[in-house]
């Protein structure tokens, strides 16, 4: 998008370009630059509210004051901070992964905005001139870091904000929909990166004035979204399209699931809807297909509505609570294993050198510990191999 904006601004905007064609590459370089954490902390310590928004440390202003002024926290402040620390420990793997990207995006955006003002961010940091950083630049950089990680909070009063508040307020709802903000942001992403952006740019005088002033974001996103939708249409009509909208067939006959590549998988869903409409097969969609396609998400295996159905089935269908207890254990195990999701990337990396790590494992014998062990390299190998009734060899995770 940065590269496209740089070209569009040169064509349509009155003033000099505010975006450089290589800004996207600068962002990637910032991701892997050492010292990101310390630099980000130094900057955001001067802006406690923005620190809270970006790093989700809700009592940072309390903790910061306590640490710097020697204040002893008592009562609710102490309990709230302790609870926050406990959540951070439990979610440390996920937080590390997400904050890694947020810090890189934050610094890259600050660097870009500083360049527009004719100053160098590295000079400001080296000379400790944090006071020269405008609050507006900090706010915009935090916004960008949250947008790219799909963690931006919807604007107050919008339908998205009401949906997120509803899910968070309803007891147990976050087990069925664990990432409501991601769902809202993925829908917003698909709306922004779609032909709608092209239509808005073509027929809205206000958008043309914005483009002439140097803001080509709506137009560039519309172009990119239209291109992705066109590519999805070509793919769904190609020899590589699987039977389901999210499947791809490889040249060796294997079928892979593309749903983990959200929100981009949503374009495959829309393309498949168009294809089925053209062929008169819209009635072949299931409710689950539509939910996964529209919301860019799949319910966690073994949890959510699936578990609720099975619990009720175990209680009233068989006359025994054993099945219900097993499903509740599975529910708890999957929810706990969700905290260890980033470890799967470590397993996938090691599996390139050890096929045993790529072997899929049976978790039913240990409904609670099985999902947790399956996430941890070494412990996963203590589980029995998953047996397929149609294949002799062990099932391998791609």
Protein backbone atom coordinates (compact mmCIF):
# COMPACT_ATOMS: atom_id res chain seq x y z
CA UNK A 1 0.00 0.00 0.00
CA UNK A 2 2.85 2.42 0.79
CA UNK A 3 4.39 1.77 -2.62
CA UNK A 4 1.07 2.33 -4.37
CA UNK A 5 0.32 5.47 -2.34
CA UNK A 6 3.70 6.92 -3.29
CA UNK A 7 2.86 6.55 -6.99
CA UNK A 8 -0.75 7.78 -6.68
CA UNK A 9 0.32 10.87 -4.75
CA UNK A 10 2.76 11.79 -7.49
CA UNK A 11 -0.03 11.54 -10.06
CA UNK A 12 -3.02 13.08 -8.27
CA UNK A 13 -1.87 15.14 -5.27
CA UNK A 14 -1.06 18.83 -5.34
CA UNK A 15 1.74 18.80 -2.77
CA UNK A 16 4.87 16.66 -2.43
CA UNK A 17 4.37 12.94 -1.59
CA UNK A 18 4.03 12.13 2.10
CA UNK A 19 4.84 8.44 1.55
CA UNK A 20 8.01 6.89 0.14
CA UNK A 21 7.82 3.81 -2.08
CA UNK A 22 10.20 1.94 0.25
CA UNK A 23 8.36 2.72 3.52
CA UNK A 24 6.99 -0.81 3.62
CA UNK A 25 10.52 -2.21 3.50
CA UNK A 26 11.60 0.22 6.22
CA UNK A 27 8.83 -1.21 8.40
CA UNK A 28 10.18 -4.74 7.88
CA UNK A 29 13.69 -3.57 8.76
CA UNK A 30 12.38 -1.97 11.96
CA UNK A 31 10.75 -5.29 12.90
CA UNK A 32 14.13 -7.01 13.17
CA UNK A 33 16.13 -4.09 14.52
CA UNK A 34 17.58 -4.59 17.97
CA UNK A 35 16.55 -2.45 20.91
CA UNK A 36 12.95 -1.94 19.77
CA UNK A 37 11.53 -2.73 23.18
CA UNK A 38 13.73 -0.31 25.12
CA UNK A 39 13.22 2.52 22.63
CA UNK A 40 9.45 2.04 22.53
CA UNK A 41 9.30 1.98 26.34
CA UNK A 42 11.33 5.19 26.57
CA UNK A 43 9.00 6.99 24.19
CA UNK A 44 5.70 5.72 25.53
CA UNK A 45 6.60 6.34 29.18
CA UNK A 46 5.98 10.00 28.37
CA UNK A 47 2.49 9.13 27.06
CA UNK A 48 0.79 6.77 29.59
CA UNK A 49 -2.57 6.67 27.79
CA UNK A 50 -0.95 5.70 24.49
CA UNK A 51 1.16 3.14 26.38
CA UNK A 52 -2.06 1.59 27.65
CA UNK A 53 -3.62 1.50 24.20
CA UNK A 54 -0.64 -0.06 22.47
CA UNK A 55 0.57 -2.54 25.07
CA UNK A 56 -2.72 -3.17 26.91
CA UNK A 57 -1.27 -2.40 30.35
CA UNK A 58 -4.42 -0.90 31.81
CA UNK A 59 -2.91 0.33 35.07
CA UNK A 60 0.37 1.57 33.64
CA UNK A 61 -0.14 5.09 34.97
CA UNK A 62 -0.71 3.67 38.48
CA UNK A 63 2.26 1.30 38.24
CA UNK A 64 4.52 3.98 36.76
CA UNK A 65 3.71 6.47 39.50
CA UNK A 66 4.18 3.82 42.17
CA UNK A 67 7.57 2.85 40.76
CA UNK A 68 8.89 6.38 40.24
CA UNK A 69 7.49 8.05 43.36
CA UNK A 70 7.77 5.18 45.83
CA UNK A 71 4.00 4.96 46.34
CA UNK A 72 2.81 1.76 48.06
CA UNK A 73 -0.23 0.39 46.24
CA UNK A 74 -3.11 -0.65 48.47
CA UNK A 75 -6.62 -2.06 48.19
CA UNK A 76 -8.18 -2.17 44.73
CA UNK A 77 -5.09 -0.68 43.02
CA UNK A 78 -2.88 -3.44 44.41
CA UNK A 79 -5.38 -6.20 43.57
CA UNK A 80 -5.96 -4.85 40.06
CA UNK A 81 -2.24 -4.65 39.32
CA UNK A 82 -1.70 -8.18 40.67
CA UNK A 83 -4.50 -9.54 38.51
CA UNK A 84 -3.07 -7.76 35.49
CA UNK A 85 0.36 -9.26 36.15
CA UNK A 86 -1.15 -12.74 36.37
CA UNK A 87 -2.92 -12.31 33.02
CA UNK A 88 0.34 -11.10 31.47
CA UNK A 89 2.21 -14.18 32.70
CA UNK A 90 -0.43 -16.57 31.37
CA UNK A 91 -0.53 -14.78 28.03
CA UNK A 92 3.21 -14.11 27.73
CA UNK A 93 3.75 -16.12 24.52
CA UNK A 94 0.93 -14.37 22.67
CA UNK A 95 1.95 -10.95 24.00
CA UNK A 96 5.56 -11.42 22.91
CA UNK A 97 4.49 -12.25 19.36
CA UNK A 98 2.01 -9.40 19.03
CA UNK A 99 4.16 -6.75 20.71
CA UNK A 100 7.08 -7.72 18.46
CA UNK A 101 5.09 -6.47 15.47
CA UNK A 102 3.45 -3.53 17.19
CA UNK A 103 6.77 -2.04 18.29
CA UNK A 104 8.22 -2.33 14.80
CA UNK A 105 5.20 -0.69 13.18
CA UNK A 106 5.10 2.02 15.85
CA UNK A 107 8.74 3.04 15.30
CA UNK A 108 8.49 2.84 11.51
CA UNK A 109 5.43 5.12 11.48
CA UNK A 110 7.12 7.58 13.85
CA UNK A 111 10.18 7.60 11.61
CA UNK A 112 8.03 8.31 8.56
CA UNK A 113 6.16 11.18 10.22
CA UNK A 114 9.40 12.67 11.57
CA UNK A 115 10.85 12.61 8.05
CA UNK A 116 7.82 14.53 6.78
CA UNK A 117 8.64 17.26 9.33
CA UNK A 118 12.27 17.35 8.21
CA UNK A 119 13.79 15.71 11.30
CA UNK A 120 15.41 12.35 11.96
CA UNK A 121 13.85 10.07 14.59
CA UNK A 122 17.17 8.35 15.30
CA UNK A 123 18.76 11.72 16.14
CA UNK A 124 15.90 12.54 18.53
CA UNK A 125 16.26 9.19 20.28
CA UNK A 126 20.05 9.36 20.45
CA UNK A 127 19.98 12.87 21.95
CA UNK A 128 17.02 12.03 24.23
CA UNK A 129 14.85 14.86 22.86
CA UNK A 130 11.54 13.04 23.48
CA UNK A 131 9.78 16.32 24.14
CA UNK A 132 10.04 17.14 20.43
CA UNK A 133 7.76 14.25 19.48
CA UNK A 134 4.25 15.63 18.86
CA UNK A 135 1.41 13.89 20.70
CA UNK A 136 -0.44 13.57 17.39
CA UNK A 137 2.47 11.60 15.88
CA UNK A 138 2.47 9.23 18.85
CA UNK A 139 -1.29 8.71 18.58
CA UNK A 140 -1.18 8.02 14.84
CA UNK A 141 1.76 5.60 15.24
CA UNK A 142 -0.10 3.68 17.96
CA UNK A 143 -3.21 3.59 15.74
CA UNK A 144 -1.14 2.10 12.90
CA UNK A 145 0.42 -0.54 15.16
CA UNK A 146 -3.03 -1.62 16.36
CA UNK A 147 -4.50 -1.63 12.85
CA UNK A 148 -1.80 -3.89 11.44
CA UNK A 149 -2.21 -6.40 14.29
CA UNK A 150 -6.05 -6.21 14.02
CA UNK A 151 -6.31 -5.02 17.62
CA UNK A 152 -7.76 -1.55 17.07
CA UNK A 153 -10.78 -0.80 19.26
CA UNK A 154 -13.86 0.19 17.22
CA UNK A 155 -15.00 3.80 17.60
CA UNK A 156 -17.39 4.39 20.49
CA UNK A 157 -21.04 4.12 19.51
CA UNK A 158 -20.42 2.10 16.34
CA UNK A 159 -21.96 -1.29 15.68
CA UNK A 160 -18.51 -2.86 16.00
CA UNK A 161 -17.96 -1.34 19.44
CA UNK A 162 -21.36 -2.55 20.63
CA UNK A 163 -20.63 -6.07 19.34
CA UNK A 164 -17.26 -6.23 21.14
CA UNK A 165 -18.81 -4.90 24.36
CA UNK A 166 -21.63 -7.44 24.12
CA UNK A 167 -19.24 -10.39 23.70
CA UNK A 168 -17.00 -9.21 26.54
CA UNK A 169 -19.97 -8.62 28.85
CA UNK A 170 -21.73 -11.95 28.26
CA UNK A 171 -20.37 -14.67 30.57
CA UNK A 172 -18.68 -17.44 28.58
CA UNK A 173 -19.12 -15.73 25.20
CA UNK A 174 -15.39 -15.19 24.74
CA UNK A 175 -14.86 -18.96 24.78
CA UNK A 176 -17.04 -19.27 21.67
CA UNK A 177 -15.71 -16.03 20.08
CA UNK A 178 -12.31 -15.49 21.74
CA UNK A 179 -11.22 -12.57 19.54
CA UNK A 180 -14.21 -10.26 18.91
CA UNK A 181 -12.01 -7.27 18.06
CA UNK A 182 -10.24 -9.35 15.41
CA UNK A 183 -13.61 -10.24 13.85
CA UNK A 184 -14.67 -6.59 13.71
CA UNK A 185 -11.31 -5.46 12.34
CA UNK A 186 -11.23 -8.23 9.73
CA UNK A 187 -14.64 -7.13 8.43
CA UNK A 188 -13.41 -3.53 8.32
CA UNK A 189 -10.28 -4.70 6.48
CA UNK A 190 -12.35 -6.49 3.85
CA UNK A 191 -14.60 -3.45 3.43
CA UNK A 192 -11.63 -1.07 3.02
CA UNK A 193 -9.69 -3.42 0.72
CA UNK A 194 -12.47 -4.06 -1.78
CA UNK A 195 -14.01 -2.55 -4.93
CA UNK A 196 -16.02 -0.32 -2.58
CA UNK A 197 -12.90 1.83 -2.22
CA UNK A 198 -12.69 2.31 -5.97
CA UNK A 199 -16.36 3.25 -6.12
CA UNK A 200 -15.97 5.76 -3.28
CA UNK A 201 -12.96 7.33 -5.00
CA UNK A 202 -14.70 7.50 -8.38
CA UNK A 203 -18.05 8.94 -7.30
CA UNK A 204 -17.36 10.92 -4.11
CA UNK A 205 -16.32 14.58 -4.54
CA UNK A 206 -15.12 14.57 -0.91
CA UNK A 207 -12.79 11.66 -1.64
CA UNK A 208 -11.36 13.42 -4.68
CA UNK A 209 -10.64 16.48 -2.54
CA UNK A 210 -8.92 14.23 -0.02
CA UNK A 211 -6.86 12.59 -2.79
CA UNK A 212 -5.84 15.99 -4.14
CA UNK A 213 -4.76 16.95 -0.61
CA UNK A 214 -2.45 13.91 -0.47
CA UNK A 215 -4.56 11.22 1.23
CA UNK A 216 -4.76 8.39 -1.32
CA UNK A 217 -5.44 5.63 1.22
CA UNK A 218 -9.03 4.88 0.13
CA UNK A 219 -8.02 4.68 -3.53
CA UNK A 220 -4.92 2.52 -2.97
CA UNK A 221 -6.78 0.11 -0.71
CA UNK A 222 -9.59 -0.13 -3.25
CA UNK A 223 -7.09 -1.00 -5.99
CA UNK A 224 -5.38 -3.63 -3.82
CA UNK A 225 -8.67 -5.14 -2.66
CA UNK A 226 -10.01 -5.35 -6.19
CA UNK A 227 -6.81 -7.07 -7.27
CA UNK A 228 -7.02 -9.61 -4.42
CA UNK A 229 -10.67 -10.33 -5.19
CA UNK A 230 -9.83 -10.82 -8.87
CA UNK A 231 -7.01 -13.21 -7.95
CA UNK A 232 -9.39 -15.14 -5.66
CA UNK A 233 -11.92 -15.44 -8.51
CA UNK A 234 -9.24 -16.80 -10.83
CA UNK A 235 -8.10 -19.25 -8.17
CA UNK A 236 -11.60 -20.60 -7.43
CA UNK A 237 -12.06 -21.23 -11.16
CA UNK A 238 -8.67 -22.92 -11.57
CA UNK A 239 -7.51 -26.52 -11.37
CA UNK A 240 -6.08 -25.81 -7.91
CA UNK A 241 -9.44 -25.02 -6.26
CA UNK A 242 -10.62 -27.59 -3.72
CA UNK A 243 -14.18 -28.75 -3.16
CA UNK A 244 -14.70 -26.31 -0.28
CA UNK A 245 -14.18 -22.57 -0.63
CA UNK A 246 -11.12 -22.59 1.64
CA UNK A 247 -9.32 -25.58 0.11
CA UNK A 248 -6.41 -25.66 -2.32
CA UNK A 249 -5.21 -28.72 -4.22
CA UNK A 250 -1.48 -29.08 -4.72
CA UNK A 251 0.14 -30.69 -7.75
CA UNK A 252 0.98 -33.82 -5.71
CA UNK A 253 -2.70 -34.38 -4.86
CA UNK A 254 -2.61 -33.02 -1.32
CA UNK A 255 -5.34 -30.66 -0.13
CA UNK A 256 -4.51 -27.81 2.24
CA UNK A 257 -6.72 -25.54 4.35
CA UNK A 258 -6.29 -21.81 3.63
CA UNK A 259 -8.47 -20.53 6.50
CA UNK A 260 -5.48 -19.78 8.76
CA UNK A 261 -4.42 -17.13 6.23
CA UNK A 262 -7.04 -14.66 7.37
CA UNK A 263 -8.23 -12.08 6.59
CA UNK A 264 -7.13 -12.89 3.04
CA UNK A 265 -9.15 -16.12 3.02
CA UNK A 266 -12.30 -13.99 3.01
CA UNK A 267 -11.64 -13.12 -0.64
CA UNK A 268 -11.79 -16.81 -1.51
CA UNK A 269 -15.17 -17.01 0.23
CA UNK A 270 -16.62 -14.08 -1.72
CA UNK A 271 -15.24 -15.48 -4.97
CA UNK A 272 -16.82 -18.84 -4.19
CA UNK A 273 -20.17 -17.17 -3.46
CA UNK A 274 -20.01 -15.50 -6.87
CA UNK A 275 -19.10 -18.78 -8.54
CA UNK A 276 -21.95 -20.70 -6.86
CA UNK A 277 -24.39 -17.92 -7.76
CA UNK A 278 -23.29 -18.20 -11.36
CA UNK A 279 -23.77 -21.98 -11.28
CA UNK A 280 -27.04 -21.90 -9.30
CA UNK A 281 -25.55 -23.67 -6.25
CA UNK A 282 -25.94 -21.09 -3.47
CA UNK A 283 -28.12 -23.49 -1.48
CA UNK A 284 -25.11 -25.80 -0.93
CA UNK A 285 -23.56 -23.44 1.64
CA UNK A 286 -23.82 -24.40 5.31
CA UNK A 287 -24.30 -21.93 8.14
CA UNK A 288 -20.83 -22.76 9.44
CA UNK A 289 -19.27 -22.00 6.03
CA UNK A 290 -20.97 -18.60 5.97
CA UNK A 291 -19.92 -17.77 9.54
CA UNK A 292 -16.29 -18.69 8.85
CA UNK A 293 -16.21 -16.82 5.55
CA UNK A 294 -17.92 -13.63 6.70
CA UNK A 295 -16.19 -13.41 10.08
CA UNK A 296 -12.76 -14.53 8.80
CA UNK A 297 -12.57 -16.97 11.69
CA UNK A 298 -13.05 -20.61 12.60
CA UNK A 299 -14.38 -21.65 16.00
CA UNK A 300 -11.62 -23.20 18.07
CA UNK A 301 -11.69 -26.97 17.71
CA UNK A 302 -13.47 -28.60 20.60
CA UNK A 303 -14.83 -25.39 22.08
CA UNK A 304 -17.61 -22.88 21.64
CA UNK A 305 -20.98 -23.95 20.33
CA UNK A 306 -19.62 -27.37 19.37
CA UNK A 307 -18.86 -28.17 22.99
CA UNK A 308 -22.20 -26.79 24.18
CA UNK A 309 -23.98 -29.10 21.75
CA UNK A 310 -21.95 -32.10 22.88
CA UNK A 311 -22.43 -31.33 26.59
CA UNK A 312 -26.20 -31.22 26.14
CA UNK A 313 -26.03 -34.36 24.06
CA UNK A 314 -24.04 -36.11 26.80
CA UNK A 315 -26.49 -35.05 29.50
CA UNK A 316 -29.80 -35.83 27.79
CA UNK A 317 -28.88 -38.20 25.00
CA UNK A 318 -27.02 -41.02 26.72
CA UNK A 319 -28.42 -40.70 30.21
CA UNK A 320 -24.88 -40.35 31.56
CA UNK A 321 -22.80 -37.34 32.48
CA UNK A 322 -19.53 -39.01 31.43
CA UNK A 323 -19.59 -37.57 27.92
CA UNK A 324 -20.48 -34.13 29.21
CA UNK A 325 -17.57 -34.22 31.67
CA UNK A 326 -15.23 -35.30 28.87
CA UNK A 327 -16.35 -32.42 26.66
CA UNK A 328 -15.97 -29.94 29.50
CA UNK A 329 -12.42 -31.21 30.05
CA UNK A 330 -11.75 -30.87 26.33
CA UNK A 331 -13.20 -27.37 26.42
CA UNK A 332 -10.89 -26.36 29.29
CA UNK A 333 -7.89 -28.03 27.65
CA UNK A 334 -8.40 -26.26 24.31
CA UNK A 335 -8.93 -22.90 26.04
CA UNK A 336 -5.72 -23.33 28.05
CA UNK A 337 -3.81 -24.54 25.00
CA UNK A 338 -4.81 -21.33 23.24
CA UNK A 339 -2.36 -19.48 25.49
CA UNK A 340 0.44 -21.58 23.96
CA UNK A 341 -0.48 -21.05 20.30
CA UNK A 342 2.80 -19.25 19.38
CA UNK A 343 4.73 -22.38 20.42
CA UNK A 344 3.24 -24.10 17.37
CA UNK A 345 5.52 -21.95 15.23
CA UNK A 346 8.52 -23.34 17.10
CA UNK A 347 7.25 -26.88 16.51
CA UNK A 348 6.67 -26.16 12.81
CA UNK A 349 10.22 -24.85 12.45
CA UNK A 350 11.78 -27.85 14.21
CA UNK A 351 9.54 -30.23 12.21
CA UNK A 352 11.46 -29.29 9.06
CA UNK A 353 14.38 -31.24 10.54
CA UNK A 354 12.49 -33.94 12.47
CA UNK A 355 9.48 -35.67 10.86
CA UNK A 356 8.44 -36.99 14.27
CA UNK A 357 7.50 -33.45 15.30
CA UNK A 358 5.24 -33.13 12.26
CA UNK A 359 3.28 -36.28 13.13
CA UNK A 360 -0.25 -35.48 14.29
CA UNK A 361 -1.19 -36.77 17.73
CA UNK A 362 -4.30 -38.27 19.30
CA UNK A 363 -5.65 -36.15 22.16
CA UNK A 364 -8.88 -37.92 23.08
CA UNK A 365 -7.29 -40.17 25.69
CA UNK A 366 -6.36 -37.06 27.69
CA UNK A 367 -9.18 -34.58 27.02
CA UNK A 368 -7.70 -31.85 29.26
CA UNK A 369 -3.93 -32.37 29.10
CA UNK A 370 -3.89 -33.66 25.50
CA UNK A 371 -4.50 -30.27 23.79
CA UNK A 372 -1.94 -28.63 26.10
CA UNK A 373 0.75 -31.29 25.52
CA UNK A 374 0.15 -31.09 21.77
CA UNK A 375 1.36 -27.46 21.82
CA UNK A 376 4.66 -28.15 23.61
CA UNK A 377 7.59 -29.66 21.66
CA UNK A 378 8.77 -32.78 23.49
CA UNK A 379 5.56 -33.33 25.44
CA UNK A 380 3.59 -33.64 22.20
CA UNK A 381 5.62 -36.76 21.33
CA UNK A 382 4.30 -38.52 24.45
CA UNK A 383 0.83 -38.62 22.88
CA UNK A 384 -0.11 -41.56 20.58
CA UNK A 385 -0.05 -41.02 16.83
CA UNK A 386 -3.31 -40.05 15.15
CA UNK A 387 -4.47 -43.05 13.11
CA UNK A 388 -6.31 -42.65 9.82
CA UNK A 389 -8.72 -45.40 8.70
CA UNK A 390 -7.79 -44.80 5.06
CA UNK A 391 -3.99 -44.43 5.22
CA UNK A 392 -1.23 -46.70 6.46
CA UNK A 393 1.33 -43.99 7.16
CA UNK A 394 1.05 -41.52 10.02
CA UNK A 395 -0.76 -38.25 9.39
CA UNK A 396 1.64 -35.33 9.04
CA UNK A 397 1.00 -31.66 9.78
CA UNK A 398 1.89 -29.49 6.77
